[in-house]
PDB file of N, CA and C in Angstrom:
ATOM      1  N   MET A   1     -17.574   9.897 -10.654  1.00  0.00           N
ATOM      2  CA  MET A   1     -16.287   9.972 -10.924  1.00  0.00           C
ATOM      3  C   MET A   1     -15.479   9.622  -9.647  1.00  0.00           C
ATOM      4  N   GLU A   2     -14.546   8.833  -9.638  1.00  0.00           N
ATOM      5  CA  GLU A   2     -13.410   8.680  -8.562  1.00  0.00           C
ATOM      6  C   GLU A   2     -12.598   9.722  -8.667  1.00  0.00           C
ATOM      7  N   LYS A   3     -12.494  10.913  -7.575  1.00  0.00           N
ATOM      8  CA  LYS A   3     -11.368  11.405  -7.722  1.00  0.00           C
ATOM      9  C   LYS A   3     -10.483  11.364  -6.733  1.00  0.00           C
ATOM     10  N   ARG A   4      -9.089  10.523  -7.015  1.00  0.00           N
ATOM     11  CA  ARG A   4      -7.736  10.589  -6.050  1.00  0.00           C
ATOM     12  C   ARG A   4      -7.131  11.423  -5.116  1.00  0.00           C
ATOM     13  N   HIS A   5      -7.242  11.632  -4.495  1.00  0.00           N
ATOM     14  CA  HIS A   5      -6.211  12.489  -3.619  1.00  0.00           C
ATOM     15  C   HIS A   5      -4.649  12.153  -3.684  1.00  0.00           C
ATOM     16  N   PHE A   6      -4.297  10.955  -3.751  1.00  0.00           N
ATOM     17  CA  PHE A   6      -3.279  10.347  -4.057  1.00  0.00           C
ATOM     18  C   PHE A   6      -2.749   9.492  -5.434  1.00  0.00           C
ATOM     19  N   ASN A   7      -1.926   9.802  -6.110  1.00  0.00           N
ATOM     20  CA  ASN A   7      -1.343   9.120  -7.392  1.00  0.00           C
ATOM     21  C   ASN A   7      -0.882   7.777  -7.292  1.00  0.00           C
ATOM     22  N   ARG A   8      -1.452   6.762  -8.368  1.00  0.00           N
ATOM     23  CA  ARG A   8      -0.826   5.580  -7.642  1.00  0.00           C
ATOM     24  C   ARG A   8       0.255   5.450  -8.849  1.00  0.00           C
ATOM     25  N   VAL A   9       1.197   4.718  -8.284  1.00  0.00           N
ATOM     26  CA  VAL A   9       2.484   4.203  -9.390  1.00  0.00           C
ATOM     27  C   VAL A   9       2.631   2.870  -9.605  1.00  0.00           C
ATOM     28  N   LEU A  10       3.024   2.743 -10.680  1.00  0.00           N
ATOM     29  CA  LEU A  10       2.968   1.009 -10.999  1.00  0.00           C
ATOM     30  C   LEU A  10       3.801   0.756  -9.773  1.00  0.00           C
ATOM     31  N   PHE A  11       3.837  -0.643  -9.605  1.00  0.00           N
ATOM     32  CA  PHE A  11       5.032  -1.143  -8.801  1.00  0.00           C
ATOM     33  C   PHE A  11       4.649  -2.191  -8.369  1.00  0.00           C
ATOM     34  N   SER A  12       5.662  -3.481  -8.637  1.00  0.00           N
ATOM     35  CA  SER A  12       5.599  -4.748  -8.892  1.00  0.00           C
ATOM     36  C   SER A  12       6.484  -5.549  -7.500  1.00  0.00           C
ATOM     37  N   ALA A  13       5.578  -6.089  -6.165  1.00  0.00           N
ATOM     38  CA  ALA A  13       6.395  -6.630  -5.328  1.00  0.00           C
ATOM     39  C   ALA A  13       5.863  -7.844  -4.915  1.00  0.00           C
ATOM     40  N   SER A  14       6.235  -8.318  -4.013  1.00  0.00           N
ATOM     41  CA  SER A  14       5.601  -9.477  -3.525  1.00  0.00           C
ATOM     42  C   SER A  14       5.314  -8.861  -2.338  1.00  0.00           C
ATOM     43  N   ALA A  15       4.666  -9.471  -1.502  1.00  0.00           N
ATOM     44  CA  ALA A  15       4.115  -8.784  -0.098  1.00  0.00           C
ATOM     45  C   ALA A  15       3.102  -9.981   0.499  1.00  0.00           C
ATOM     46  N   LEU A  16       3.000  -9.432   2.068  1.00  0.00           N
ATOM     47  CA  LEU A  16       2.279 -10.597   2.680  1.00  0.00           C
ATOM     48  C   LEU A  16       1.081  -9.684   3.765  1.00  0.00           C
ATOM     49  N   LEU A  17      -0.325 -10.679   3.655  1.00  0.00           N
ATOM     50  CA  LEU A  17      -1.420  -9.499   3.592  1.00  0.00           C
ATOM     51  C   LEU A  17      -1.812 -10.590   4.957  1.00  0.00           C
ATOM     52  N   ILE A  18      -1.709  -9.912   6.364  1.00  0.00           N
ATOM     53  CA  ILE A  18      -1.602 -10.310   7.157  1.00  0.00           C
ATOM     54  C   ILE A  18      -2.862 -10.387   8.423  1.00  0.00           C
ATOM     55  N   GLN A  19      -3.402 -10.930   9.097  1.00  0.00           N
ATOM     56  CA  GLN A  19      -4.676 -10.301  10.050  1.00  0.00           C
ATOM     57  C   GLN A  19      -4.764 -11.643  10.707  1.00  0.00           C
ATOM     58  N   ASP A  20      -4.254 -11.471  12.335  1.00  0.00           N
ATOM     59  CA  ASP A  20      -4.170 -12.235  13.282  1.00  0.00           C
ATOM     60  C   ASP A  20      -3.126 -13.155  13.118  1.00  0.00           C
ATOM     61  N   HIS A  21      -3.321 -14.621  12.878  1.00  0.00           N
ATOM     62  CA  HIS A  21      -2.329 -15.347  12.595  1.00  0.00           C
ATOM     63  C   HIS A  21      -2.389 -16.002  10.929  1.00  0.00           C
ATOM     64  N   ASN A  22      -3.355 -15.285  10.546  1.00  0.00           N
ATOM     65  CA  ASN A  22      -3.363 -15.805   9.133  1.00  0.00           C
ATOM     66  C   ASN A  22      -2.721 -14.881   8.145  1.00  0.00           C
ATOM     67  N   VAL A  23      -1.685 -15.158   7.361  1.00  0.00           N
ATOM     68  CA  VAL A  23      -1.038 -14.843   6.236  1.00  0.00           C
ATOM     69  C   VAL A  23      -0.864 -15.118   4.686  1.00  0.00           C
ATOM     70  N   TRP A  24      -1.215 -15.008   4.140  1.00  0.00           N
ATOM     71  CA  TRP A  24      -1.830 -14.782   2.580  1.00  0.00           C
ATOM     72  C   TRP A  24      -0.474 -13.988   1.845  1.00  0.00           C
ATOM     73  N   GLN A  25       0.353 -14.930   0.839  1.00  0.00           N
ATOM     74  CA  GLN A  25       1.304 -14.217  -0.178  1.00  0.00           C
ATOM     75  C   GLN A  25       0.094 -13.258  -1.435  1.00  0.00           C
ATOM     76  N   THR A  26       0.745 -12.336  -1.216  1.00  0.00           N
ATOM     77  CA  THR A  26       0.063 -11.612  -2.320  1.00  0.00           C
ATOM     78  C   THR A  26       1.234 -10.609  -3.253  1.00  0.00           C
ATOM     79  N   THR A  27       0.807 -10.193  -4.196  1.00  0.00           N
ATOM     80  CA  THR A  27       1.811  -8.895  -4.920  1.00  0.00           C
ATOM     81  C   THR A  27       1.193  -7.731  -5.183  1.00  0.00           C
ATOM     82  N   VAL A  28       1.862  -6.706  -4.828  1.00  0.00           N
ATOM     83  CA  VAL A  28       1.726  -5.551  -4.757  1.00  0.00           C
ATOM     84  C   VAL A  28       1.435  -5.066  -6.479  1.00  0.00           C
ATOM     85  N   LEU A  29       0.183  -4.765  -7.169  1.00  0.00           N
ATOM     86  CA  LEU A  29       0.449  -4.067  -8.286  1.00  0.00           C
ATOM     87  C   LEU A  29       0.331  -2.304  -8.376  1.00  0.00           C
ATOM     88  N   ASP A  30       0.418  -1.483  -7.986  1.00  0.00           N
ATOM     89  CA  ASP A  30       0.686  -0.012  -7.782  1.00  0.00           C
ATOM     90  C   ASP A  30       0.715  -0.008  -6.242  1.00  0.00           C
ATOM     91  N   ILE A  31       1.167   1.493  -6.172  1.00  0.00           N
ATOM     92  CA  ILE A  31       1.260   1.791  -4.569  1.00  0.00           C
ATOM     93  C   ILE A  31       1.183   3.591  -4.477  1.00  0.00           C
ATOM     94  N   SER A  32       1.008   3.991  -3.651  1.00  0.00           N
ATOM     95  CA  SER A  32       0.384   5.319  -3.227  1.00  0.00           C
ATOM     96  C   SER A  32       0.844   5.616  -1.823  1.00  0.00           C
ATOM     97  N   LEU A  33       0.848   7.014  -1.844  1.00  0.00           N
ATOM     98  CA  LEU A  33       1.130   6.968  -0.296  1.00  0.00           C
ATOM     99  C   LEU A  33       0.104   7.283   0.446  1.00  0.00           C
ATOM    100  N   LYS A  34      -0.956   6.581  -0.196  1.00  0.00           N
ATOM    101  CA  LYS A  34      -2.032   6.448   0.786  1.00  0.00           C
ATOM    102  C   LYS A  34      -2.832   4.728   0.756  1.00  0.00           C
ATOM    103  N   GLY A  35      -1.955   3.852   0.111  1.00  0.00           N
ATOM    104  CA  GLY A  35      -2.171   2.337   0.283  1.00  0.00           C
ATOM    105  C   GLY A  35      -1.414   2.076  -1.289  1.00  0.00           C
ATOM    106  N   ALA A  36      -2.254   0.402  -1.427  1.00  0.00           N
ATOM    107  CA  ALA A  36      -1.643  -0.134  -2.521  1.00  0.00           C
ATOM    108  C   ALA A  36      -2.967  -1.000  -3.095  1.00  0.00           C
ATOM    109  N   LEU A  37      -2.478  -1.141  -4.335  1.00  0.00           N
ATOM    110  CA  LEU A  37      -3.417  -2.838  -4.971  1.00  0.00           C
ATOM    111  C   LEU A  37      -2.814  -3.759  -4.710  1.00  0.00           C
ATOM    112  N   ILE A  38      -3.797  -4.751  -4.534  1.00  0.00           N
ATOM    113  CA  ILE A  38      -2.811  -6.193  -4.390  1.00  0.00           C
ATOM    114  C   ILE A  38      -3.546  -6.850  -5.317  1.00  0.00           C
ATOM    115  N   ALA A  39      -2.603  -7.579  -5.598  1.00  0.00           N
ATOM    116  CA  ALA A  39      -3.749  -9.270  -6.359  1.00  0.00           C
ATOM    117  C   ALA A  39      -4.288  -9.667  -4.866  1.00  0.00           C
ATOM    118  N   TYR A  40      -5.479 -10.651  -5.336  1.00  0.00           N
ATOM    119  CA  TYR A  40      -5.942 -11.254  -4.569  1.00  0.00           C
ATOM    120  C   TYR A  40      -5.277 -12.337  -4.289  1.00  0.00           C
ATOM    121  N   PRO A  41      -5.203 -12.776  -3.076  1.00  0.00           N
ATOM    122  CA  PRO A  41      -4.528 -13.871  -2.298  1.00  0.00           C
ATOM    123  C   PRO A  41      -4.809 -15.139  -2.562  1.00  0.00           C
ATOM    124  N   ASP A  42      -4.532 -16.479  -3.373  1.00  0.00           N
ATOM    125  CA  ASP A  42      -5.071 -17.238  -3.048  1.00  0.00           C
ATOM    126  C   ASP A  42      -5.357 -17.865  -1.639  1.00  0.00           C
ATOM    127  N   ASP A  43      -6.359 -18.865  -1.650  1.00  0.00           N
ATOM    128  CA  ASP A  43      -7.336 -18.993  -0.137  1.00  0.00           C
ATOM    129  C   ASP A  43      -7.684 -18.217   0.525  1.00  0.00           C
ATOM    130  N   PHE A  44      -7.764 -16.932  -0.115  1.00  0.00           N
ATOM    131  CA  PHE A  44      -7.866 -15.568   1.525  1.00  0.00           C
ATOM    132  C   PHE A  44      -9.455 -16.137   2.031  1.00  0.00           C
ATOM    133  N   GLU A  45      -9.602 -15.728   3.037  1.00  0.00           N
ATOM    134  CA  GLU A  45     -10.493 -16.095   3.977  1.00  0.00           C
ATOM    135  C   GLU A  45     -10.584 -15.123   4.854  1.00  0.00           C
ATOM    136  N   GLY A  46      -9.810 -13.783   4.592  1.00  0.00           N
ATOM    137  CA  GLY A  46      -9.559 -12.628   5.766  1.00  0.00           C
ATOM    138  C   GLY A  46     -11.562 -11.727   5.892  1.00  0.00           C
ATOM    139  N   ASP A  47     -11.527 -11.355   6.995  1.00  0.00           N
ATOM    140  CA  ASP A  47     -12.451 -10.805   7.602  1.00  0.00           C
ATOM    141  C   ASP A  47     -12.174  -9.076   7.063  1.00  0.00           C
ATOM    142  N   LEU A  48     -13.514  -8.700   6.144  1.00  0.00           N
ATOM    143  CA  LEU A  48     -13.000  -7.699   5.221  1.00  0.00           C
ATOM    144  C   LEU A  48     -13.253  -6.826   5.857  1.00  0.00           C
ATOM    145  N   GLU A  49     -14.129  -6.734   7.087  1.00  0.00           N
ATOM    146  CA  GLU A  49     -14.527  -5.444   8.037  1.00  0.00           C
ATOM    147  C   GLU A  49     -13.477  -5.480   8.940  1.00  0.00           C
ATOM    148  N   ARG A  50     -12.679  -6.083   9.405  1.00  0.00           N
ATOM    149  CA  ARG A  50     -11.502  -5.677  10.432  1.00  0.00           C
ATOM    150  C   ARG A  50     -10.007  -5.676   9.626  1.00  0.00           C
ATOM    151  N   ASP A  51      -8.829  -4.849  10.388  1.00  0.00           N
ATOM    152  CA  ASP A  51      -7.858  -4.044   9.988  1.00  0.00           C
ATOM    153  C   ASP A  51      -6.912  -5.503   9.537  1.00  0.00           C
ATOM    154  N   PHE A  52      -6.010  -5.311   8.422  1.00  0.00           N
ATOM    155  CA  PHE A  52      -4.766  -5.722   8.481  1.00  0.00           C
ATOM    156  C   PHE A  52      -3.767  -5.036   8.342  1.00  0.00           C
ATOM    157  N   GLU A  53      -2.603  -6.368   8.488  1.00  0.00           N
ATOM    158  CA  GLU A  53      -1.208  -5.517   8.084  1.00  0.00           C
ATOM    159  C   GLU A  53      -0.680  -6.228   6.162  1.00  0.00           C
ATOM    160  N   LEU A  54       0.065  -5.394   5.974  1.00  0.00           N
ATOM    161  CA  LEU A  54       0.458  -5.401   4.453  1.00  0.00           C
ATOM    162  C   LEU A  54       1.899  -5.034   4.593  1.00  0.00           C
ATOM    163  N   ASP A  55       2.954  -6.240   4.550  1.00  0.00           N
ATOM    164  CA  ASP A  55       4.220  -5.925   4.505  1.00  0.00           C
ATOM    165  C   ASP A  55       4.987  -6.528   3.064  1.00  0.00           C
ATOM    166  N   ILE A  56       5.260  -5.501   2.503  1.00  0.00           N
ATOM    167  CA  ILE A  56       5.846  -5.429   1.277  1.00  0.00           C
ATOM    168  C   ILE A  56       7.453  -5.408   1.154  1.00  0.00           C
ATOM    169  N   ASP A  57       7.654  -6.348   0.220  1.00  0.00           N
ATOM    170  CA  ASP A  57       8.987  -6.908   0.128  1.00  0.00           C
ATOM    171  C   ASP A  57       9.484  -5.985  -1.038  1.00  0.00           C
ATOM    172  N   ILE A  58      10.424  -4.803  -0.126  1.00  0.00           N
ATOM    173  CA  ILE A  58      11.145  -3.720  -1.932  1.00  0.00           C
ATOM    174  C   ILE A  58      12.505  -4.037  -1.777  1.00  0.00           C
ATOM    175  N   GLN A  59      12.575  -5.342  -1.719  1.00  0.00           N
ATOM    176  CA  GLN A  59      14.029  -6.253  -2.370  1.00  0.00           C
ATOM    177  C   GLN A  59      15.472  -5.349  -1.302  1.00  0.00           C
ATOM    178  N   GLY A  60      15.850  -6.736  -0.665  1.00  0.00           N
ATOM    179  CA  GLY A  60      16.623  -5.754   0.141  1.00  0.00           C
ATOM    180  C   GLY A  60      16.791  -6.750   1.793  1.00  0.00           C
ATOM    181  N   VAL A  61      17.717  -7.123   2.316  1.00  0.00           N
ATOM    182  CA  VAL A  61      17.420  -7.199   3.228  1.00  0.00           C
ATOM    183  C   VAL A  61      16.837  -6.369   4.367  1.00  0.00           C
ATOM    184  N   ASN A  62      15.954  -6.660   5.393  1.00  0.00           N
ATOM    185  CA  ASN A  62      15.068  -5.354   6.613  1.00  0.00           C
ATOM    186  C   ASN A  62      14.637  -4.485   5.431  1.00  0.00           C
ATOM    187  N   ASN A  63      14.522  -4.798   4.277  1.00  0.00           N
ATOM    188  CA  ASN A  63      13.571  -3.385   3.559  1.00  0.00           C
ATOM    189  C   ASN A  63      12.483  -3.525   3.043  1.00  0.00           C
ATOM    190  N   ASN A  64      11.595  -3.782   3.886  1.00  0.00           N
ATOM    191  CA  ASN A  64      10.138  -3.777   3.974  1.00  0.00           C
ATOM    192  C   ASN A  64       9.305  -2.493   4.107  1.00  0.00           C
ATOM    193  N   ILE A  65       8.190  -2.153   3.587  1.00  0.00           N
ATOM    194  CA  ILE A  65       7.357  -0.857   3.988  1.00  0.00           C
ATOM    195  C   ILE A  65       6.134  -2.127   4.632  1.00  0.00           C
ATOM    196  N   VAL A  66       6.034  -1.560   5.888  1.00  0.00           N
ATOM    197  CA  VAL A  66       4.777  -2.347   6.425  1.00  0.00           C
ATOM    198  C   VAL A  66       3.751  -0.844   6.945  1.00  0.00           C
ATOM    199  N   MET A  67       2.417  -1.547   5.905  1.00  0.00           N
ATOM    200  CA  MET A  67       1.221  -0.872   6.362  1.00  0.00           C
ATOM    201  C   MET A  67       0.170  -1.273   7.294  1.00  0.00           C
ATOM    202  N   ARG A  68      -0.719  -0.610   8.067  1.00  0.00           N
ATOM    203  CA  ARG A  68      -1.663  -1.377   8.856  1.00  0.00           C
ATOM    204  C   ARG A  68      -2.500  -0.494   8.426  1.00  0.00           C
ATOM    205  N   GLY A  69      -3.683  -1.363   8.084  1.00  0.00           N
ATOM    206  CA  GLY A  69      -4.959  -0.516   7.240  1.00  0.00           C
ATOM    207  C   GLY A  69      -6.390  -1.486   7.228  1.00  0.00           C
ATOM    208  N   THR A  70      -6.982  -1.131   6.006  1.00  0.00           N
ATOM    209  CA  THR A  70      -8.402  -1.658   5.635  1.00  0.00           C
ATOM    210  C   THR A  70      -8.109  -2.294   4.099  1.00  0.00           C
ATOM    211  N   ILE A  71      -8.919  -3.201   4.000  1.00  0.00           N
ATOM    212  CA  ILE A  71      -9.487  -3.248   2.431  1.00  0.00           C
ATOM    213  C   ILE A  71     -10.512  -2.354   1.913  1.00  0.00           C
ATOM    214  N   ALA A  72     -10.071  -1.637   1.484  1.00  0.00           N
ATOM    215  CA  ALA A  72     -10.831  -0.156   0.917  1.00  0.00           C
ATOM    216  C   ALA A  72     -12.177  -0.686  -0.026  1.00  0.00           C
ATOM    217  N   HIS A  73     -11.577  -1.828  -0.998  1.00  0.00           N
ATOM    218  CA  HIS A  73     -12.594  -2.596  -2.477  1.00  0.00           C
ATOM    219  C   HIS A  73     -11.556  -3.580  -2.567  1.00  0.00           C
ATOM    220  N   ASN A  74     -12.910  -4.466  -2.925  1.00  0.00           N
ATOM    221  CA  ASN A  74     -12.629  -6.008  -3.609  1.00  0.00           C
ATOM    222  C   ASN A  74     -13.085  -5.901  -5.126  1.00  0.00           C
ATOM    223  N   ALA A  75     -12.240  -5.887  -5.705  1.00  0.00           N
ATOM    224  CA  ALA A  75     -13.001  -5.935  -7.352  1.00  0.00           C
ATOM    225  C   ALA A  75     -12.221  -6.509  -8.066  1.00  0.00           C
ATOM    226  N   ASN A  76     -12.548  -7.265  -9.482  1.00  0.00           N
ATOM    227  CA  ASN A  76     -11.330  -7.552 -10.235  1.00  0.00           C
ATOM    228  C   ASN A  76     -10.349  -8.399  -9.963  1.00  0.00           C
ATOM    229  N   HIS A  77     -10.495  -9.511  -9.273  1.00  0.00           N
ATOM    230  CA  HIS A  77      -9.609  -9.950  -8.701  1.00  0.00           C
ATOM    231  C   HIS A  77      -8.185  -9.119  -7.767  1.00  0.00           C
ATOM    232  N   SER A  78      -8.595  -8.165  -7.360  1.00  0.00           N
ATOM    233  CA  SER A  78      -7.855  -7.314  -6.784  1.00  0.00           C
ATOM    234  C   SER A  78      -8.617  -6.822  -5.175  1.00  0.00           C
ATOM    235  N   LEU A  79      -7.426  -6.540  -4.546  1.00  0.00           N
ATOM    236  CA  LEU A  79      -7.870  -5.826  -3.320  1.00  0.00           C
ATOM    237  C   LEU A  79      -7.180  -4.045  -3.260  1.00  0.00           C
ATOM    238  N   GLY A  80      -8.212  -3.654  -2.640  1.00  0.00           N
ATOM    239  CA  GLY A  80      -7.418  -2.200  -2.481  1.00  0.00           C
ATOM    240  C   GLY A  80      -7.604  -2.278  -1.074  1.00  0.00           C
ATOM    241  N   PHE A  81      -5.912  -1.662  -1.070  1.00  0.00           N
ATOM    242  CA  PHE A  81      -5.680  -1.419   0.482  1.00  0.00           C
ATOM    243  C   PHE A  81      -5.257   0.090   0.986  1.00  0.00           C
ATOM    244  N   SER A  82      -6.081   0.191   1.870  1.00  0.00           N
ATOM    245  CA  SER A  82      -6.007   1.364   2.404  1.00  0.00           C
ATOM    246  C   SER A  82      -5.329   1.429   3.639  1.00  0.00           C
ATOM    247  N   ALA A  83      -4.161   2.187   3.490  1.00  0.00           N
ATOM    248  CA  ALA A  83      -3.393   2.440   4.806  1.00  0.00           C
ATOM    249  C   ALA A  83      -3.302   3.336   5.927  1.00  0.00           C
ATOM    250  N   GLN A  84      -3.560   3.113   7.207  1.00  0.00           N
ATOM    251  CA  GLN A  84      -4.320   3.854   8.140  1.00  0.00           C
ATOM    252  C   GLN A  84      -3.207   4.201   8.935  1.00  0.00           C
ATOM    253  N   GLN A  85      -2.118   3.462   9.045  1.00  0.00           N
ATOM    254  CA  GLN A  85      -1.109   3.341   9.671  1.00  0.00           C
ATOM    255  C   GLN A  85       0.405   3.333   9.199  1.00  0.00           C
ATOM    256  N   LEU A  86       1.554   3.601   9.602  1.00  0.00           N
ATOM    257  CA  LEU A  86       2.427   3.696   9.058  1.00  0.00           C
ATOM    258  C   LEU A  86       3.651   3.800   9.708  1.00  0.00           C
ATOM    259  N   ASP A  87       4.822   3.316  10.250  1.00  0.00           N
ATOM    260  CA  ASP A  87       5.579   3.738  11.026  1.00  0.00           C
ATOM    261  C   ASP A  87       6.905   4.781   9.958  1.00  0.00           C
ATOM    262  N   ILE A  88       7.327   5.371  10.967  1.00  0.00           N
ATOM    263  CA  ILE A  88       8.565   6.708  10.200  1.00  0.00           C
ATOM    264  C   ILE A  88       9.359   5.580   9.049  1.00  0.00           C
ATOM    265  N   GLU A  89       9.832   4.730   9.602  1.00  0.00           N
ATOM    266  CA  GLU A  89      10.464   4.078   8.190  1.00  0.00           C
ATOM    267  C   GLU A  89      10.256   3.920   7.203  1.00  0.00           C
ATOM    268  N   SER A  90       8.849   3.144   7.261  1.00  0.00           N
ATOM    269  CA  SER A  90       8.044   2.783   6.275  1.00  0.00           C
ATOM    270  C   SER A  90       7.924   4.116   5.316  1.00  0.00           C
ATOM    271  N   ILE A  91       6.906   5.231   6.267  1.00  0.00           N
ATOM    272  CA  ILE A  91       6.301   6.143   5.382  1.00  0.00           C
ATOM    273  C   ILE A  91       7.689   6.675   4.420  1.00  0.00           C
ATOM    274  N   THR A  92       8.915   6.742   5.205  1.00  0.00           N
ATOM    275  CA  THR A  92      10.554   7.435   4.340  1.00  0.00           C
ATOM    276  C   THR A  92      10.380   6.237   3.157  1.00  0.00           C
ATOM    277  N   LYS A  93      10.554   5.035   3.187  1.00  0.00           N
ATOM    278  CA  LYS A  93      10.899   4.417   2.380  1.00  0.00           C
ATOM    279  C   LYS A  93       9.483   4.502   1.266  1.00  0.00           C
ATOM    280  N   LEU A  94       8.164   4.515   1.711  1.00  0.00           N
ATOM    281  CA  LEU A  94       7.745   4.464   0.808  1.00  0.00           C
ATOM    282  C   LEU A  94       7.363   6.009   0.047  1.00  0.00           C
ATOM    283  N   ARG A  95       7.513   7.202   0.642  1.00  0.00           N
ATOM    284  CA  ARG A  95       7.870   8.469   0.322  1.00  0.00           C
ATOM    285  C   ARG A  95       9.154   8.149  -0.974  1.00  0.00           C
ATOM    286  N   ARG A  96       9.784   7.827  -0.739  1.00  0.00           N
ATOM    287  CA  ARG A  96      11.185   7.602  -1.615  1.00  0.00           C
ATOM    288  C   ARG A  96      11.004   6.466  -2.894  1.00  0.00           C
ATOM    289  N   LEU A  97      10.084   5.624  -2.913  1.00  0.00           N
ATOM    290  CA  LEU A  97       9.651   4.967  -3.794  1.00  0.00           C
ATOM    291  C   LEU A  97       8.682   5.820  -4.735  1.00  0.00           C
ATOM    292  N   VAL A  98       7.699   6.278  -3.910  1.00  0.00           N
ATOM    293  CA  VAL A  98       6.631   7.081  -5.126  1.00  0.00           C
ATOM    294  C   VAL A  98       7.848   8.076  -5.480  1.00  0.00           C
ATOM    295  N   GLU A  99       8.661   8.947  -4.926  1.00  0.00           N
ATOM    296  CA  GLU A  99       9.178  10.047  -5.636  1.00  0.00           C
ATOM    297  C   GLU A  99      10.079   9.480  -6.597  1.00  0.00           C
ATOM    298  N   LEU A 100      10.783   8.324  -6.752  1.00  0.00           N
ATOM    299  CA  LEU A 100      11.249   7.889  -7.808  1.00  0.00           C
ATOM    300  C   LEU A 100      10.549   7.425  -9.071  1.00  0.00           C
ATOM    301  N   ASN A 101       9.452   7.078  -8.547  1.00  0.00           N
ATOM    302  CA  ASN A 101       8.572   6.599  -9.789  1.00  0.00           C
ATOM    303  C   ASN A 101       7.607   7.344 -10.319  1.00  0.00           C
ATOM    304  N   LEU A 102       7.064   8.863  -9.431  1.00  0.00           N
ATOM    305  CA  LEU A 102       6.404   9.445  -9.883  1.00  0.00           C
ATOM    306  C   LEU A 102       6.713  10.521 -10.946  1.00  0.00           C
ATOM    307  N   ALA A 103       8.209  10.946 -11.146  1.00  0.00           N
ATOM    308  CA  ALA A 103       8.708  11.957 -11.719  1.00  0.00           C
ATOM    309  C   ALA A 103       8.280  13.167 -11.805  1.00  0.00           C
ATOM    310  N   ASP A 104       7.889  13.665 -10.838  1.00  0.00           N
ATOM    311  CA  ASP A 104       6.846  15.430 -10.641  1.00  0.00           C
ATOM    312  C   ASP A 104       7.083  15.541  -8.906  1.00  0.00           C
ATOM    313  N   ASP A 105       8.179  16.147  -9.180  1.00  0.00           N
ATOM    314  CA  ASP A 105       8.180  16.807  -7.884  1.00  0.00           C
ATOM    315  C   ASP A 105       7.129  17.725  -7.517  1.00  0.00           C
ATOM    316  N   GLU A 106       6.415  18.639  -7.867  1.00  0.00           N
ATOM    317  CA  GLU A 106       5.815  19.420  -7.489  1.00  0.00           C
ATOM    318  C   GLU A 106       4.476  18.492  -6.824  1.00  0.00           C
ATOM    319  N   LEU A 107       3.986  17.630  -7.888  1.00  0.00           N
ATOM    320  CA  LEU A 107       2.881  16.662  -7.631  1.00  0.00           C
ATOM    321  C   LEU A 107       3.429  16.079  -6.304  1.00  0.00           C
ATOM    322  N   LEU A 108       4.412  15.005  -5.812  1.00  0.00           N
ATOM    323  CA  LEU A 108       4.781  14.109  -4.871  1.00  0.00           C
ATOM    324  C   LEU A 108       4.773  15.496  -3.617  1.00  0.00           C
ATOM    325  N   HIS A 109       5.213  16.735  -3.548  1.00  0.00           N
ATOM    326  CA  HIS A 109       4.981  17.614  -2.397  1.00  0.00           C
ATOM    327  C   HIS A 109       3.548  17.933  -2.266  1.00  0.00           C
ATOM    328  N   ARG A 110       2.629  18.654  -3.011  1.00  0.00           N
ATOM    329  CA  ARG A 110       1.141  18.584  -2.728  1.00  0.00           C
ATOM    330  C   ARG A 110       0.899  17.388  -2.456  1.00  0.00           C
ATOM    331  N   GLU A 111       1.053  15.951  -2.467  1.00  0.00           N
ATOM    332  CA  GLU A 111       0.909  14.818  -1.892  1.00  0.00           C
ATOM    333  C   GLU A 111       0.780  14.352  -0.481  1.00  0.00           C
ATOM    334  N   ILE A 112       2.074  14.895  -0.537  1.00  0.00           N
ATOM    335  CA  ILE A 112       3.028  15.049   0.856  1.00  0.00           C
ATOM    336  C   ILE A 112       2.094  15.860   1.797  1.00  0.00           C
ATOM    337  N   GLN A 113       2.161  16.637   1.085  1.00  0.00           N
ATOM    338  CA  GLN A 113       1.239  17.883   1.470  1.00  0.00           C
ATOM    339  C   GLN A 113      -0.774  17.489   2.612  1.00  0.00           C
ATOM    340  N   ALA A 114      -1.228  17.042   1.415  1.00  0.00           N
ATOM    341  CA  ALA A 114      -2.291  16.126   1.695  1.00  0.00           C
ATOM    342  C   ALA A 114      -2.356  14.977   2.697  1.00  0.00           C
ATOM    343  N   LEU A 115      -1.206  14.464   2.706  1.00  0.00           N
ATOM    344  CA  LEU A 115      -1.456  13.028   3.611  1.00  0.00           C
ATOM    345  C   LEU A 115      -1.138  13.538   4.819  1.00  0.00           C
ATOM    346  N   ILE A 116       0.024  14.859   5.250  1.00  0.00           N
ATOM    347  CA  ILE A 116      -0.033  15.463   6.545  1.00  0.00           C
ATOM    348  C   ILE A 116      -1.534  16.331   6.830  1.00  0.00           C
ATOM    349  N   ALA A 117      -2.214  16.894   5.826  1.00  0.00           N
ATOM    350  CA  ALA A 117      -3.607  17.066   6.658  1.00  0.00           C
ATOM    351  C   ALA A 117      -4.890  16.301   6.679  1.00  0.00           C
ATOM    352  N   HIS A 118      -4.489  14.965   6.333  1.00  0.00           N
ATOM    353  CA  HIS A 118      -5.610  13.945   6.256  1.00  0.00           C
ATOM    354  C   HIS A 118      -6.210  13.708   7.307  1.00  0.00           C
TER     355      HIS A 118
END
């Protein structure tokens, strides 16, 4: 049985999956402090062994969350994106988004501590 360290919250948003000069349009299905589940992009031909950038549009001018990381799994017409690097602006927006959707302050604080310790 898989044990998650970070709870996912349902969240739907358009996003771009980027690798080198290749860009694929996708949709975020859910999100956590450590990554996102995204829909498998049309015409996807990315190298799953290399890093990607995920640029998530959270509505509004210059209101994106940008994650750099890897594809952790590929199943059921979706890709599990594991965030390895976020800038301070993106982590602040992500924390707020998870906080608004998690509705459990204690759980959020435990996850933030796990993220810092990770």
